[in-house]
Amino acid sequence: MNQHTVHEYLMKKPLVMITQPFGQDVDVYKVNHKMFATLAEGKEGQTDDEGNLVWWLNLKCEPDEAQALRDIFPSVIPGYHMNKRLW
């Protein structure tokens, strides 16, 4: 999944608006002025094994569900610069 697919998916949710309060490199997705996701480029041009830019997606989550997902999937990690219980 690439950043365009993620963006399109998030924008199809009801009442979603996008802002950039942290700068042009970070899209913040909100419903009723409450943030539920962020999408940003990885650190300084970070790329994957195929040379594609790495994107970071932070999603807000119930604490117990977040921990369960981290236990199951190694790629699910606490949110960068976020409350580690909820992101």
Protein backbone atom coordinates (compact mmCIF):
# COMPACT_ATOMS: atom_id res chain seq x y z
CA MET A 1 0.00 0.00 0.00
CA ASN A 2 1.37 3.43 -0.87
CA GLN A 3 0.72 6.90 0.52
CA HIS A 4 -1.82 7.74 -2.20
CA THR A 5 -3.92 4.67 -1.37
CA VAL A 6 -3.78 5.49 2.36
CA HIS A 7 -4.71 9.13 1.69
CA GLU A 8 -7.68 8.13 -0.49
CA TYR A 9 -8.87 5.61 2.11
CA LEU A 10 -8.70 8.13 4.96
CA MET A 11 -10.41 10.86 2.94
CA LYS A 12 -13.40 8.58 2.22
CA LYS A 13 -14.28 8.48 5.92
CA PRO A 14 -17.28 10.69 6.84
CA LEU A 15 -16.55 14.33 7.72
CA VAL A 16 -12.76 14.02 7.34
CA MET A 17 -10.71 17.14 6.85
CA ILE A 18 -6.97 17.37 6.32
CA THR A 19 -4.69 19.96 7.91
CA GLN A 20 -0.94 20.51 8.12
CA PRO A 21 -0.31 22.10 11.53
CA PHE A 22 3.16 20.50 11.78
CA GLY A 23 4.33 21.70 8.36
CA GLN A 24 3.85 20.72 4.73
CA ASP A 25 5.48 17.31 5.23
CA VAL A 26 2.84 15.98 7.64
CA ASP A 27 -0.81 15.50 6.71
CA VAL A 28 -3.10 15.42 9.74
CA TYR A 29 -6.53 13.83 9.32
CA LYS A 30 -9.31 15.04 11.61
CA VAL A 31 -12.99 14.42 12.28
CA ASN A 32 -14.80 17.13 14.23
CA HIS A 33 -11.45 18.88 14.81
CA LYS A 34 -10.00 15.76 16.51
CA MET A 35 -6.93 14.15 15.04
CA PHE A 36 -7.16 10.42 14.24
CA ALA A 37 -4.29 9.91 11.77
CA THR A 38 -1.08 11.44 10.47
CA LEU A 39 0.79 10.58 7.28
CA ALA A 40 4.35 11.77 6.74
CA GLU A 41 7.50 10.93 4.81
CA GLY A 42 10.07 8.91 6.75
CA LYS A 43 13.27 10.46 8.01
CA GLU A 44 15.34 12.38 5.44
CA GLY A 45 14.51 10.46 2.29
CA GLN A 46 14.40 7.05 3.96
CA THR A 47 13.72 4.32 1.36
CA ASP A 48 12.71 0.66 1.44
CA ASP A 49 14.56 -2.27 -0.17
CA GLU A 50 13.08 -1.39 -3.58
CA GLY A 51 14.10 2.29 -3.39
CA ASN A 52 10.62 3.64 -2.64
CA LEU A 53 10.20 6.44 -0.13
CA VAL A 54 9.12 5.21 3.30
CA TRP A 55 5.96 6.79 4.72
CA TRP A 56 4.93 6.80 8.37
CA LEU A 57 1.28 6.39 9.27
CA ASN A 58 0.16 7.12 12.84
CA LEU A 59 -3.33 5.94 13.77
CA LYS A 60 -5.16 6.63 17.00
CA CYS A 61 -6.27 3.42 18.71
CA GLU A 62 -7.73 2.04 21.92
CA PRO A 63 -4.79 1.20 24.24
CA ASP A 64 -5.59 -2.52 24.59
CA GLU A 65 -6.09 -2.95 20.85
CA ALA A 66 -2.88 -1.05 20.12
CA GLN A 67 -0.92 -3.38 22.40
CA ALA A 68 -2.52 -6.47 20.85
CA LEU A 69 -1.59 -5.26 17.35
CA ARG A 70 2.00 -4.58 18.47
CA ASP A 71 2.18 -8.12 19.90
CA ILE A 72 0.99 -9.66 16.62
CA PHE A 73 2.65 -7.49 13.97
CA PRO A 74 6.32 -6.45 14.25
CA SER A 75 5.73 -3.50 11.90
CA VAL A 76 3.18 -1.95 14.28
CA ILE A 77 5.16 0.27 16.62
CA PRO A 78 4.23 3.11 19.01
CA GLY A 79 3.48 6.38 17.24
CA TYR A 80 6.41 8.67 16.49
CA HIS A 81 6.17 11.80 18.69
CA MET A 82 2.77 10.64 19.97
CA ASN A 83 1.26 9.31 23.19
CA LYS A 84 2.56 5.73 23.08
CA ARG A 85 -0.59 4.28 24.67
CA LEU A 86 -3.01 5.71 22.09
CA TRP A 87 -0.96 5.87 18.88
